[in-house]
C-alpha atoms as a PDB file:
ATOM      1  CA  MET A   1      56.562 199.489-176.729  1.00  0.00           C
ATOM      2  CA  ALA A   2      58.784 200.530-173.828  1.00  0.00           C
ATOM      3  CA  GLY A   3      59.213 203.933-175.475  1.00  0.00           C
ATOM      4  CA  ALA A   4      55.441 204.473-175.595  1.00  0.00           C
ATOM      5  CA  ILE A   5      55.105 203.578-171.914  1.00  0.00           C
ATOM      6  CA  LYS A   6      58.088 205.766-171.051  1.00  0.00           C
ATOM      7  CA  GLY A   7      56.335 208.698-172.729  1.00  0.00           C
ATOM      8  CA  LEU A   8      53.336 208.220-170.444  1.00  0.00           C
ATOM      9  CA  ASN A   9      55.242 207.766-167.206  1.00  0.00           C
ATOM     10  CA  GLU A  10      59.035 207.962-166.974  1.00  0.00           C
ATOM     11  CA  GLU A  11      59.428 205.849-163.833  1.00  0.00           C
ATOM     12  CA  GLN A  12      56.938 203.212-165.000  1.00  0.00           C
ATOM     13  CA  GLY A  13      58.715 203.053-168.369  1.00  0.00           C
ATOM     14  CA  ASN A  14      62.066 202.448-166.693  1.00  0.00           C
ATOM     15  CA  VAL A  15      60.601 199.615-164.618  1.00  0.00           C
ATOM     16  CA  VAL A  16      59.034 198.024-167.701  1.00  0.00           C
ATOM     17  CA  SER A  17      62.220 198.219-169.788  1.00  0.00           C
ATOM     18  CA  ARG A  18      64.304 196.818-166.930  1.00  0.00           C
ATOM     19  CA  PHE A  19      61.799 193.976-166.495  1.00  0.00           C
ATOM     20  CA  GLY A  20      61.881 193.259-170.239  1.00  0.00           C
ATOM     21  CA  LEU A  21      65.679 193.172-170.197  1.00  0.00           C
ATOM     22  CA  LYS A  22      65.636 190.765-167.248  1.00  0.00           C
ATOM     23  CA  LEU A  23      63.148 188.589-169.130  1.00  0.00           C
ATOM     24  CA  VAL A  24      65.402 188.474-172.208  1.00  0.00           C
ATOM     25  CA  TYR A  25      68.495 187.711-170.121  1.00  0.00           C
ATOM     26  CA  GLY A  26      66.631 185.004-168.212  1.00  0.00           C
ATOM     27  CA  SER A  27      65.333 183.245-171.313  1.00  0.00           C
ATOM     28  CA  THR A  28      68.761 183.429-172.963  1.00  0.00           C
ATOM     29  CA  LEU A  29      70.367 181.941-169.861  1.00  0.00           C
ATOM     30  CA  VAL A  30      67.793 179.136-169.732  1.00  0.00           C
ATOM     31  CA  SER A  31      68.309 178.386-173.439  1.00  0.00           C
ATOM     32  CA  VAL A  32      72.089 178.189-173.005  1.00  0.00           C
ATOM     33  CA  LEU A  33      71.734 176.050-169.903  1.00  0.00           C
ATOM     34  CA  SER A  34      69.313 173.565-171.463  1.00  0.00           C
ATOM     35  CA  ALA A  35      71.489 173.426-174.587  1.00  0.00           C
ATOM     36  CA  SER A  36      74.585 172.529-172.558  1.00  0.00           C
ATOM     37  CA  ILE A  37      72.634 169.949-170.531  1.00  0.00           C
ATOM     38  CA  ALA A  38      71.328 168.403-173.765  1.00  0.00           C
ATOM     39  CA  ALA A  39      74.881 168.366-175.140  1.00  0.00           C
ATOM     40  CA  LEU A  40      76.112 166.573-172.010  1.00  0.00           C
ATOM     41  CA  VAL A  41      73.317 163.992-172.174  1.00  0.00           C
ATOM     42  CA  LEU A  42      73.790 163.419-175.907  1.00  0.00           C
END
């Protein structure tokens, strides 16, 4: 997906891949956080 966009427009592709990476990092962080909170509560 990011590769296809990068082929069209290099700068736009870089922005999209960086945004996707941030999204993945964010969701992973949230998952870890909620897991540790659940562990503390339980």
